[in-house]
Protein backbone atom coordinates (compact mmCIF):
# COMPACT_ATOMS: atom_id res chain seq x y z
CA MET A 1 0.00 0.00 0.00
CA LYS A 2 0.98 3.61 -0.54
CA ILE A 3 0.74 5.32 2.84
CA ALA A 4 1.28 8.93 3.95
CA ILE A 5 2.15 9.83 7.54
CA ILE A 6 1.73 13.40 8.75
CA GLY A 7 4.24 14.19 11.47
CA ALA A 8 7.75 12.86 12.17
CA GLY A 9 7.41 12.61 15.92
CA PHE A 10 7.86 9.20 17.50
CA THR A 11 4.30 8.09 16.66
CA GLY A 12 4.82 8.84 12.98
CA LEU A 13 8.34 7.41 12.85
CA SER A 14 7.46 4.18 14.66
CA ALA A 15 4.42 3.67 12.40
CA ALA A 16 6.60 4.30 9.36
CA PHE A 17 9.21 1.82 10.59
CA GLU A 18 6.61 -0.91 11.11
CA LEU A 19 5.09 -0.31 7.69
CA VAL A 20 8.33 -0.20 5.68
CA LYS A 21 9.38 -3.48 7.32
CA LYS A 22 6.27 -4.96 5.67
CA ASN A 23 7.32 -3.49 2.29
CA HIS A 24 4.71 -0.74 2.16
CA ASP A 25 5.42 2.49 0.24
CA VAL A 26 5.63 5.07 3.02
CA SER A 27 6.04 8.87 2.86
CA VAL A 28 6.39 10.93 6.06
CA PHE A 29 5.70 14.67 5.95
CA GLU A 30 7.12 16.91 8.68
CA LYS A 31 6.81 20.69 8.98
CA ASP A 32 9.96 21.01 11.09
CA LEU A 33 13.50 20.69 9.80
CA LYS A 34 14.24 17.80 12.17
CA PRO A 35 12.47 14.70 13.53
CA GLY A 36 11.31 14.10 17.09
CA GLY A 37 8.08 16.06 17.56
CA LEU A 38 7.80 17.22 21.18
CA ALA A 39 11.14 15.50 21.86
CA ILE A 40 12.93 17.56 19.20
CA GLY A 41 16.40 18.70 20.22
CA TYR A 42 19.00 21.35 19.49
CA GLN A 43 22.77 21.50 19.91
CA GLY A 44 24.76 24.28 21.56
CA ARG A 45 28.22 25.27 20.40
CA GLY A 46 30.83 22.87 21.70
CA TRP A 47 28.29 20.21 22.73
CA GLU A 48 28.83 16.63 21.63
CA TRP A 49 25.18 15.73 22.33
CA SER A 50 21.89 17.37 21.50
CA LEU A 51 19.43 18.47 24.19
CA GLU A 52 15.64 18.31 24.05
CA LYS A 53 13.79 21.63 23.94
CA HIS A 54 11.38 20.08 26.45
CA TYR A 55 12.76 17.67 29.09
CA HIS A 56 12.47 13.95 28.35
CA HIS A 57 13.60 10.65 29.80
CA TRP A 58 12.38 7.06 29.86
CA PHE A 59 11.50 4.74 32.70
CA THR A 60 13.22 1.37 32.67
CA ASN A 61 9.88 -0.35 32.00
CA ASP A 62 9.16 1.73 28.88
CA ASN A 63 9.39 -1.41 26.80
CA SER A 64 7.98 -0.12 23.52
CA ILE A 65 10.68 2.46 22.95
CA LEU A 66 13.47 0.47 24.61
CA ASN A 67 12.69 -2.49 22.34
CA LEU A 68 12.72 -0.14 19.34
CA ALA A 69 16.15 1.13 20.39
CA LYS A 70 17.35 -2.45 20.70
CA GLU A 71 15.96 -3.31 17.27
CA ILE A 72 17.89 -0.51 15.54
CA ASN A 73 20.95 -1.20 17.74
CA TYR A 74 20.89 2.18 19.47
CA GLU A 75 22.76 2.54 22.77
CA ILE A 76 20.77 3.41 25.89
CA ILE A 77 22.19 4.77 29.17
CA ILE A 78 20.56 3.94 32.51
CA ASN A 79 21.18 5.96 35.69
CA ARG A 80 19.44 6.46 39.01
CA PRO A 81 19.17 10.23 39.55
CA LYS A 82 17.81 11.99 42.61
CA THR A 83 14.21 13.25 42.63
CA SER A 84 13.08 15.78 45.23
CA VAL A 85 10.28 18.17 46.19
CA PHE A 86 10.48 21.84 47.17
CA ILE A 87 8.24 22.61 50.16
CA LYS A 88 8.37 25.63 52.47
CA ASN A 89 11.64 26.80 50.92
CA ASN A 90 13.42 23.49 51.52
CA ILE A 91 14.37 20.55 49.30
CA TYR A 92 13.40 17.04 50.41
CA GLN A 93 14.35 13.88 48.56
CA LEU A 94 11.18 11.93 47.83
CA ASP A 95 11.85 9.12 45.36
CA SER A 96 11.63 5.83 47.26
CA PRO A 97 9.58 4.15 50.01
CA THR A 98 12.43 4.89 52.43
CA THR A 99 12.54 8.63 51.70
CA VAL A 100 8.73 8.81 51.94
CA LEU A 101 8.82 7.18 55.37
CA ARG A 102 11.56 9.61 56.48
CA PHE A 103 9.79 12.74 55.18
CA PRO A 104 9.96 15.10 58.20
CA LEU A 105 6.96 17.36 57.53
CA LEU A 106 4.38 14.63 58.12
CA SER A 107 3.76 12.44 61.13
CA PHE A 108 4.73 8.77 60.91
CA PHE A 109 1.06 7.81 60.57
CA GLU A 110 0.56 10.35 57.74
CA ARG A 111 3.66 9.09 55.96
CA LEU A 112 2.54 5.50 56.34
CA LYS A 113 -0.92 6.34 55.01
CA MET A 114 0.49 8.13 51.96
CA SER A 115 3.01 5.40 51.17
CA THR A 116 0.31 2.73 51.53
CA VAL A 117 -1.93 4.47 48.97
CA ILE A 118 1.00 4.90 46.57
CA GLY A 119 1.92 1.24 47.02
CA LEU A 120 -1.64 0.08 46.35
CA LEU A 121 -1.79 2.15 43.17
CA LYS A 122 1.63 0.91 42.11
CA TYR A 123 0.60 -2.74 42.25
CA ASP A 124 -3.03 -2.34 41.18
CA PRO A 125 -3.33 -3.68 37.59
CA PHE A 126 -6.84 -2.32 37.07
CA TRP A 127 -7.24 1.31 36.04
CA LYS A 128 -10.76 1.20 34.61
CA PRO A 129 -12.63 1.30 37.96
CA LEU A 130 -10.59 4.39 38.93
CA GLU A 131 -11.42 6.57 35.94
CA LYS A 132 -14.86 7.55 37.22
CA TYR A 133 -13.34 9.27 40.26
CA LYS A 134 -11.62 12.64 40.51
CA ALA A 135 -8.12 12.52 41.98
CA SER A 136 -8.84 15.76 43.88
CA VAL A 137 -11.72 14.05 45.73
CA MET A 138 -10.28 10.59 46.36
CA LEU A 139 -6.65 11.30 47.24
CA PRO A 140 -7.31 13.45 50.33
CA LYS A 141 -9.84 10.88 51.55
CA PHE A 142 -7.48 7.92 51.39
CA MET A 143 -4.03 9.53 51.52
CA GLY A 144 -4.85 12.09 54.18
CA LYS A 145 -5.75 15.74 53.84
CA LYS A 146 -2.45 17.11 55.12
CA SER A 147 -0.21 15.13 52.75
CA TYR A 148 -2.53 15.91 49.83
CA GLU A 149 -2.64 19.64 50.61
CA MET A 150 1.11 19.83 51.20
CA ILE A 151 2.45 17.76 48.28
CA TRP A 152 -0.08 16.64 45.71
CA LYS A 153 -2.58 19.49 45.44
CA PRO A 154 0.04 22.14 44.56
CA LEU A 155 1.54 19.75 41.99
CA PHE A 156 -1.87 19.25 40.37
CA ILE A 157 -2.46 23.03 40.33
CA ASN A 158 0.98 23.77 38.87
CA LYS A 159 0.54 21.12 36.19
CA PHE A 160 -3.12 21.53 35.23
CA GLY A 161 -4.06 25.03 36.37
CA SER A 162 -7.84 25.55 36.29
CA PHE A 163 -8.32 21.87 35.33
CA ALA A 164 -6.59 20.56 38.48
CA ASP A 165 -9.76 19.50 40.28
CA ASP A 166 -11.15 17.68 37.23
CA VAL A 167 -8.34 15.21 36.54
CA SER A 168 -9.24 11.53 36.76
CA LEU A 169 -7.77 9.24 39.40
CA ALA A 170 -6.81 6.94 36.52
CA TRP A 171 -4.32 9.57 35.34
CA PHE A 172 -2.69 9.63 38.77
CA TRP A 173 -2.66 5.81 38.83
CA ALA A 174 -0.76 5.78 35.53
CA ARG A 175 1.86 8.20 36.83
CA ILE A 176 2.47 6.05 39.92
CA LYS A 177 2.19 2.72 38.10
CA LYS A 178 4.91 3.39 35.55
CA ARG A 179 7.44 5.26 37.66
CA THR A 180 10.81 3.54 38.22
CA PRO A 181 13.74 4.72 40.40
CA SER A 182 16.22 4.33 37.54
CA LEU A 183 15.75 6.24 34.29
CA ALA A 184 16.94 5.66 30.74
CA TYR A 185 18.19 8.03 28.06
CA PRO A 186 19.38 7.57 24.46
CA LYS A 187 23.10 8.18 23.99
CA GLY A 188 23.56 11.47 22.16
CA GLY A 189 20.05 12.72 22.92
CA PHE A 190 16.56 12.19 21.56
CA LEU A 191 17.31 14.08 18.33
CA ASN A 192 20.15 11.69 17.54
CA PHE A 193 17.92 8.73 18.33
CA ALA A 194 15.13 10.06 16.09
CA THR A 195 17.66 10.72 13.34
CA GLY A 196 18.92 7.14 13.68
CA LEU A 197 15.36 5.89 13.27
CA VAL A 198 14.90 8.09 10.19
CA GLU A 199 18.02 6.50 8.67
CA GLU A 200 16.67 3.00 9.30
CA ILE A 201 13.34 3.92 7.65
CA GLU A 202 15.13 5.36 4.63
CA LYS A 203 17.34 2.26 4.33
CA LEU A 204 14.15 0.22 3.96
CA GLY A 205 12.82 2.51 1.25
CA GLY A 206 10.74 4.98 3.27
CA LYS A 207 10.70 8.65 2.25
CA ILE A 208 10.73 11.50 4.74
CA TYR A 209 10.07 15.09 3.68
CA PHE A 210 11.15 17.72 6.21
CA ASN A 211 10.27 21.41 6.03
CA THR A 212 7.01 20.37 4.36
CA GLU A 213 3.54 21.42 5.48
CA ILE A 214 0.11 19.97 4.77
CA PRO A 215 -2.52 22.72 4.38
CA GLU A 216 -5.28 20.32 3.33
CA LEU A 217 -6.28 16.68 3.65
CA SER A 218 -9.36 15.02 2.15
CA SER A 219 -10.73 11.61 1.25
CA LYS A 220 -13.27 11.08 -1.50
CA GLU A 221 -12.37 8.38 -3.96
CA LYS A 222 -8.94 8.09 -2.31
CA PRO A 223 -7.20 9.82 0.61
CA GLN A 224 -5.43 12.89 -0.73
CA ILE A 225 -3.10 15.51 0.67
CA LYS A 226 -1.97 18.89 -0.58
CA PHE A 227 1.56 19.72 0.51
CA ARG A 228 4.29 22.29 -0.06
CA ARG A 229 7.66 23.34 1.18
CA VAL A 230 7.40 25.76 4.10
CA GLY A 231 7.47 29.28 2.72
CA ASN A 232 6.59 28.14 -0.80
CA SER A 233 3.13 28.93 -2.18
CA LYS A 234 3.19 26.18 -4.83
CA LEU A 235 1.04 23.23 -3.77
CA LYS A 236 1.48 19.62 -4.82
CA ILE A 237 -1.34 17.08 -4.70
CA GLU A 238 -0.90 13.35 -4.14
CA ASN A 239 -3.25 10.41 -3.56
CA PHE A 240 -2.59 7.54 -1.15
CA ASP A 241 -4.21 4.28 -0.11
CA ALA A 242 -4.15 5.38 3.54
CA ILE A 243 -3.10 8.39 5.61
CA ILE A 244 -2.01 8.40 9.26
CA VAL A 245 -2.33 11.76 11.01
CA THR A 246 -0.13 12.08 14.11
CA ILE A 247 -0.43 15.82 14.72
CA PRO A 248 -2.64 17.19 17.56
CA SER A 249 -6.39 16.85 17.05
CA PHE A 250 -7.02 20.59 16.79
CA LEU A 251 -4.55 20.78 13.88
CA PHE A 252 -6.19 17.77 12.23
CA LEU A 253 -9.50 19.66 12.36
CA LYS A 254 -7.87 22.62 10.63
CA ILE A 255 -6.53 20.69 7.65
CA ALA A 256 -9.15 17.95 7.15
CA THR A 257 -12.10 18.68 4.85
CA GLY A 258 -15.35 16.74 4.83
CA LEU A 259 -15.47 15.76 8.50
CA PRO A 260 -19.01 15.46 9.93
CA ARG A 261 -20.10 18.16 12.38
CA GLU A 262 -20.63 15.66 15.23
CA TYR A 263 -17.09 14.32 14.90
CA LYS A 264 -15.60 17.81 14.82
CA GLU A 265 -17.57 18.81 17.90
CA ALA A 266 -16.46 15.68 19.79
CA LEU A 267 -12.81 16.16 18.87
CA GLY A 268 -13.01 19.86 19.62
CA LYS A 269 -14.07 19.15 23.21
CA LEU A 270 -10.72 17.56 24.04
CA LYS A 271 -8.61 19.95 26.08
CA SER A 272 -4.87 20.30 26.47
CA LEU A 273 -2.16 22.61 27.74
CA GLY A 274 0.98 23.90 26.11
CA ALA A 275 4.50 23.86 27.56
CA THR A 276 7.15 26.49 28.13
CA ASN A 277 10.73 25.64 29.02
CA LEU A 278 13.43 28.11 29.88
CA ILE A 279 16.80 26.35 29.68
CA LEU A 280 19.69 27.81 31.67
CA ARG A 281 23.27 27.08 30.63
CA LEU A 282 25.48 27.47 33.69
CA ASN A 283 29.18 27.04 34.44
CA LYS A 284 28.38 25.77 37.96
CA PRO A 285 25.72 23.39 39.30
CA PHE A 286 22.35 24.89 40.21
CA PHE A 287 21.58 22.37 42.96
CA ASN A 288 24.10 21.75 45.72
CA ASP A 289 22.71 18.29 46.52
CA SER A 290 22.83 16.68 43.03
CA THR A 291 19.05 16.72 42.58
CA TYR A 292 17.98 15.90 39.03
CA TRP A 293 14.24 16.58 39.25
CA LEU A 294 12.67 19.05 41.65
CA SER A 295 8.86 19.23 41.78
CA VAL A 296 7.76 22.56 43.20
CA CYS A 297 4.99 22.05 45.78
CA ASP A 298 3.84 25.65 45.91
CA LYS A 299 0.68 26.60 44.03
CA ASN A 300 1.87 30.23 43.76
CA ALA A 301 5.28 29.38 42.33
CA PRO A 302 6.17 30.79 38.88
CA VAL A 303 7.73 27.46 37.91
CA MET A 304 6.36 23.90 38.07
CA ALA A 305 9.56 21.84 37.84
CA ILE A 306 13.28 22.55 37.95
CA VAL A 307 15.24 19.83 36.19
CA GLU A 308 19.04 19.79 36.19
CA HIS A 309 19.65 17.54 33.21
CA THR A 310 23.38 17.28 33.88
CA ASN A 311 22.67 15.61 37.21
CA PHE A 312 21.29 12.78 35.06
CA MET A 313 23.53 12.82 31.99
CA ASP A 314 27.23 13.71 32.28
CA LYS A 315 28.06 17.39 31.74
CA LYS A 316 31.08 16.40 29.63
CA ASN A 317 28.65 15.71 26.77
CA TYR A 318 27.65 19.40 26.86
CA ASN A 319 31.06 21.07 26.99
CA ASN A 320 30.99 20.79 30.81
CA GLU A 321 27.99 23.11 31.06
CA HIS A 322 25.31 22.56 33.69
CA LEU A 323 21.90 22.54 31.99
CA VAL A 324 18.73 23.39 33.89
CA TYR A 325 15.13 23.30 32.67
CA LEU A 326 12.54 25.64 34.17
CA GLY A 327 9.29 24.05 33.05
CA ASN A 328 5.62 25.01 33.05
CA TYR A 329 2.39 23.79 31.50
CA LYS A 330 0.10 26.64 30.53
CA SER A 331 -2.87 27.41 28.32
CA ILE A 332 -1.71 28.94 25.05
CA ASP A 333 -3.57 32.18 25.87
CA ASP A 334 -1.60 32.52 29.13
CA ASP A 335 0.91 35.36 29.54
CA TYR A 336 3.73 32.79 29.65
CA PHE A 337 3.28 32.25 25.92
CA LYS A 338 3.72 35.99 25.28
CA MET A 339 6.94 36.37 27.25
CA THR A 340 10.43 36.72 25.85
CA LYS A 341 13.19 34.71 27.48
CA LYS A 342 14.33 37.80 29.43
CA GLN A 343 10.82 38.44 30.73
CA MET A 344 10.43 34.83 31.81
CA LEU A 345 13.76 34.72 33.64
CA LYS A 346 12.83 37.96 35.39
CA LYS A 347 9.55 36.40 36.53
CA ILE A 348 11.12 33.17 37.80
CA ASP A 349 14.35 34.72 39.14
CA PRO A 350 13.17 35.57 42.71
CA TYR A 351 12.01 32.00 43.20
CA LEU A 352 15.25 30.51 41.89
CA LYS A 353 17.20 32.65 44.36
CA LYS A 354 15.41 30.89 47.21
CA ILE A 355 17.25 27.75 46.15
CA ASN A 356 20.49 29.19 44.80
CA PRO A 357 21.02 32.90 45.56
CA GLU A 358 24.18 33.06 43.40
CA TYR A 359 22.97 31.15 40.30
CA LYS A 360 22.89 34.25 38.07
CA LYS A 361 26.65 34.63 38.31
CA SER A 362 26.97 31.23 36.61
CA ILE A 363 24.79 31.92 33.55
CA ILE A 364 26.53 31.37 30.21
CA ASN A 365 23.36 31.74 28.17
CA TYR A 366 19.70 30.72 28.23
CA GLU A 367 17.01 29.75 25.74
CA LEU A 368 13.21 29.71 25.77
CA PHE A 369 11.13 27.08 23.97
CA LYS A 370 7.35 26.89 23.67
CA ALA A 371 5.00 24.16 22.46
CA PRO A 372 1.27 24.93 22.05
CA PHE A 373 0.26 21.31 22.66
CA ALA A 374 2.03 19.16 25.25
CA GLN A 375 -0.27 17.88 28.00
CA PRO A 376 -3.74 16.41 27.38
CA ILE A 377 -6.33 17.04 30.10
CA ILE A 378 -7.74 13.71 31.33
CA PRO A 379 -11.16 14.17 32.98
CA VAL A 380 -13.22 11.38 34.57
CA ASN A 381 -14.47 8.68 32.20
CA TYR A 382 -12.04 9.74 29.50
CA SER A 383 -12.37 6.32 27.85
CA LYS A 384 -15.87 7.35 26.74
CA ILE A 385 -14.56 10.34 24.76
CA LEU A 386 -11.26 8.77 23.63
CA PRO A 387 -10.97 9.29 19.86
CA PRO A 388 -10.67 6.06 17.83
CA PHE A 389 -7.91 5.50 15.27
CA ILE A 390 -10.46 5.26 12.46
CA THR A 391 -11.86 8.64 11.42
CA PRO A 392 -14.99 9.37 9.34
CA LEU A 393 -12.72 10.01 6.35
CA ASN A 394 -12.20 6.83 4.35
CA ASN A 395 -8.78 5.24 5.12
CA VAL A 396 -7.65 8.24 7.18
CA TYR A 397 -6.39 7.34 10.66
CA LEU A 398 -5.74 9.56 13.68
CA ALA A 399 -2.99 8.64 16.17
CA ASN A 400 -1.73 11.23 18.65
CA ILE A 401 -0.94 11.55 22.36
CA GLU A 402 -4.57 12.18 23.25
CA GLN A 403 -5.08 8.47 22.54
CA VAL A 404 -2.39 6.89 24.74
CA TYR A 405 -4.84 6.70 27.67
CA PRO A 406 -4.74 5.42 30.36
CA TRP A 407 -1.06 6.31 30.12
CA ASP A 408 0.23 9.86 30.11
CA ARG A 409 2.10 11.54 27.27
CA GLY A 410 5.62 10.33 26.48
CA THR A 411 7.73 8.99 23.66
CA ASN A 412 7.30 5.40 24.87
CA TYR A 413 3.55 5.62 24.38
CA ALA A 414 4.03 7.47 21.11
CA VAL A 415 5.95 4.44 19.83
CA GLU A 416 3.31 2.07 21.20
CA LEU A 417 0.63 4.13 19.45
CA GLY A 418 2.53 4.11 16.16
CA ASN A 419 2.91 0.34 16.34
CA LYS A 420 -0.81 -0.11 17.02
CA VAL A 421 -2.03 2.03 14.12
CA ALA A 422 0.49 0.46 11.74
CA LYS A 423 -0.69 -3.03 12.68
CA LEU A 424 -4.31 -1.94 12.25
CA ILE A 425 -3.56 -0.86 8.68
CA ILE A 426 -1.53 -3.98 7.93
CA LYS A 427 -4.36 -6.14 9.25
């Protein structure tokens, strides 16, 4: 079959890889100049490795993407970095049953109650009964109000904003279920890994067109796309036997013609948040305790997470620079999406000084990256509104991160999704 794939993120690339292995004629169209989607990377001067514009890692049980790496013979690095929380202007390690039981701001009974709930969720294989409950209602009941108010509620607010109280307990289950103490990372960065996958696809005859946009998609007698080079007004038209769309649903609605009103209304109801990441390049460490990931448990904080990447991957790969992400999820109409990098650093700066008063003296440079779609909102009973792969357009399939439920977004689930839609087409 002749198949088009829109988007060269990990869903599109994994689908392409599966299809070309079965000798299908595959063309991938990507608006960006590089592969990777939300895991796209860039490379600073003097760096041997690339760095993601938005922080990424894998858990050691992310089998879909780890098996893909093994299949294309790509080297993976596994480390056990330190994960902590920031509460009442102090950092507390909180990444194991032992550290939970030692957490000094809760009584022993409160710690035991919280760790018991986390343990039950960790080993509970059944998510479906949980999806009808809101995490904001059930967690304080079973975990304890104090631990919920101190740790989890501010994290929900920082991550989901006005949607914090609506998130399903099944989403929280998935976050606990999949978490592992050790983390994995592709040698050279996600961009290098995605590029390696592109090379394997091309070796098998697949075609990948970067810097190419799709202004229109339709399906009458046959699925058809109109495409052009970015910045070029001349359109080309091509027919296919099937089309896989891996871009966000709201973009699919913009380019697809002939969709029924009911389908468009259903897809349009799905909500999501964008991401902003300010990346600091420092000549000294930001954290003095080797923390990799710091979740900020303060609902009024101007930053959700502070991630010192070089406390996970060796700084020697980045010209001995210390690289720090300052991450937030926000609605695309939020002021964060209007800020320049100087404005954002000015906003976050007073909070950073609570942790490291001298960090500004270490700044080499800093960059700001924004993504309008990064985090789907998962309300109760999301399975009932989950979009299917098959769309109303004949032989046009939709596969994006809104469909990885009950799991949360991530490149592992993007690969799993790509494999599923490819096998559906092959079948």
